[in-house]
Protein backbone atom coordinates (compact mmCIF):
# COMPACT_ATOMS: atom_id res chain seq x y z
CA UNK A 1 106.54 107.53 82.12
CA UNK A 2 106.44 109.36 78.81
CA UNK A 3 107.44 107.68 75.57
CA UNK A 4 109.48 109.77 73.15
CA UNK A 5 109.34 109.48 69.38
CA UNK A 6 112.94 108.30 69.43
CA UNK A 7 111.97 105.39 71.67
CA UNK A 8 108.77 104.69 69.75
CA UNK A 9 110.41 104.60 66.31
CA UNK A 10 113.11 102.19 67.54
CA UNK A 11 115.76 103.57 65.20
CA UNK A 12 113.79 103.09 61.98
CA UNK A 13 113.80 106.84 61.34
CA UNK A 14 117.61 106.90 61.54
CA UNK A 15 117.79 103.85 59.28
CA UNK A 16 115.76 105.74 56.67
CA UNK A 17 118.22 108.63 56.86
CA UNK A 18 121.13 106.24 56.37
CA UNK A 19 119.44 104.49 53.43
CA UNK A 20 118.67 107.85 51.82
CA UNK A 21 122.28 108.97 52.19
CA UNK A 22 123.52 105.69 50.70
CA UNK A 23 121.07 105.96 47.79
CA UNK A 24 122.48 109.42 47.05
CA UNK A 25 126.06 108.12 47.05
CA UNK A 26 125.19 105.16 44.81
CA UNK A 27 123.22 107.38 42.41
CA UNK A 28 126.22 109.70 42.21
CA UNK A 29 128.42 106.73 41.27
CA UNK A 30 125.99 105.69 38.52
CA UNK A 31 125.79 109.25 37.20
CA UNK A 32 129.59 109.43 36.98
CA UNK A 33 130.11 106.04 35.33
CA UNK A 34 131.64 107.69 32.25
CA UNK A 35 133.64 110.40 34.04
CA UNK A 36 137.40 109.86 33.62
CA UNK A 37 139.31 109.28 36.88
CA UNK A 38 136.10 109.19 38.96
CA UNK A 39 136.49 106.98 42.03
CA UNK A 40 133.39 105.07 43.12
CA UNK A 41 132.39 105.63 46.73
CA UNK A 42 130.08 103.92 49.16
CA UNK A 43 128.89 104.29 52.69
CA UNK A 44 128.44 101.38 55.06
CA UNK A 45 126.84 101.06 58.45
CA UNK A 46 130.24 100.30 59.99
CA UNK A 47 131.84 103.43 58.52
CA UNK A 48 128.90 105.54 59.67
CA UNK A 49 129.14 104.03 63.16
CA UNK A 50 132.88 104.77 63.32
CA UNK A 51 132.35 108.41 62.28
CA UNK A 52 129.66 108.78 64.97
CA UNK A 53 131.90 107.19 67.61
CA UNK A 54 134.69 109.66 66.72
CA UNK A 55 132.21 112.52 67.13
CA UNK A 56 131.29 111.60 70.70
CA UNK A 57 133.58 113.93 72.62
CA UNK A 58 132.86 114.59 76.26
CA UNK A 59 131.49 118.09 76.69
CA UNK A 60 130.04 120.12 79.49
CA UNK A 61 130.95 120.24 83.12
CA UNK A 62 130.32 116.61 84.00
CA UNK A 63 132.15 113.48 82.89
CA UNK A 64 128.84 111.96 81.81
CA UNK A 65 127.83 114.80 79.44
CA UNK A 66 128.09 114.04 75.73
CA UNK A 67 128.04 116.58 72.93
CA UNK A 68 124.72 116.36 71.07
CA UNK A 69 125.84 117.46 67.61
CA UNK A 70 125.62 115.03 64.73
CA UNK A 71 127.70 114.53 61.62
CA UNK A 72 125.25 112.14 60.00
CA UNK A 73 126.00 111.81 56.30
CA UNK A 74 129.39 113.49 56.54
CA UNK A 75 132.21 112.64 54.17
CA UNK A 76 134.11 110.92 57.01
CA UNK A 77 131.91 107.85 56.53
CA UNK A 78 132.35 107.72 52.74
CA UNK A 79 134.75 105.05 51.57
CA UNK A 80 136.37 104.51 48.20
CA UNK A 81 135.40 101.25 46.58
CA UNK A 82 138.13 98.88 45.42
CA UNK A 83 137.43 98.07 41.78
CA UNK A 84 137.47 94.48 40.57
CA UNK A 85 138.53 95.69 37.12
CA UNK A 86 139.27 99.43 36.74
CA UNK A 87 138.88 101.01 33.33
CA UNK A 88 141.71 102.48 31.28
CA UNK A 89 140.62 106.05 32.05
CA UNK A 90 140.91 105.48 35.82
CA UNK A 91 137.17 105.28 36.51
CA UNK A 92 136.36 102.67 39.17
CA UNK A 93 132.57 102.51 38.73
CA UNK A 94 131.29 98.99 38.01
CA UNK A 95 127.81 99.66 36.65
CA UNK A 96 126.44 96.17 37.41
CA UNK A 97 127.65 96.31 41.00
CA UNK A 98 126.31 99.84 41.50
CA UNK A 99 122.89 98.87 40.16
CA UNK A 100 122.79 95.75 42.35
CA UNK A 101 123.81 97.74 45.45
CA UNK A 102 121.22 100.42 44.61
CA UNK A 103 118.47 97.80 44.21
CA UNK A 104 119.39 96.13 47.51
CA UNK A 105 119.50 99.50 49.28
CA UNK A 106 116.05 100.33 47.85
CA UNK A 107 114.60 97.09 49.23
CA UNK A 108 116.10 97.80 52.64
CA UNK A 109 114.75 101.37 52.55
CA UNK A 110 111.27 100.07 51.70
CA UNK A 111 111.45 97.55 54.55
CA UNK A 112 112.47 100.20 57.07
CA UNK A 113 109.76 102.52 55.79
CA UNK A 114 107.18 99.75 56.23
CA UNK A 115 108.30 99.16 59.83
CA UNK A 116 108.16 102.89 60.55
CA UNK A 117 104.72 103.17 58.94
CA UNK A 118 103.44 100.34 61.13
CA UNK A 119 104.86 102.00 64.23
CA UNK A 120 103.06 105.24 63.36
CA UNK A 121 99.83 103.36 62.59
CA UNK A 122 100.05 101.60 65.96
CA UNK A 123 100.55 104.90 67.78
CA UNK A 124 97.64 106.45 65.86
CA UNK A 125 95.36 103.53 66.82
CA UNK A 126 96.46 103.85 70.45
CA UNK A 127 95.65 107.56 70.46
CA UNK A 128 92.31 107.31 68.67
CA UNK A 129 91.15 104.09 70.30
CA UNK A 130 91.43 101.99 67.15
CA UNK A 131 89.07 104.06 64.99
């Protein structure tokens, strides 16, 4: 029985994609902290899961066939953040919250990267005999 990369990576590669997309959204919020009427956005695992579930339409000639296209990182999963104290110019970016969320996302990205690196190292050792 052959092992695919998707099975071997155990979802850590997809987690890195999600963390990268979230880092981009959070960085965009930080960059627009002084833009009037800018609405802070975020992406969560739940919103991403819901957008992927909506995408799963049956396709093909069999009831068990599923369309293989992906909308990973699409705007459907982006949510507007409810501000705790919006500014007078309508901007909803809370710089302290954005920085804290960015730092936490960075730690989670690093953790997922470490797991993925260890998976690759284990596969390399298995292929080369531990050399």
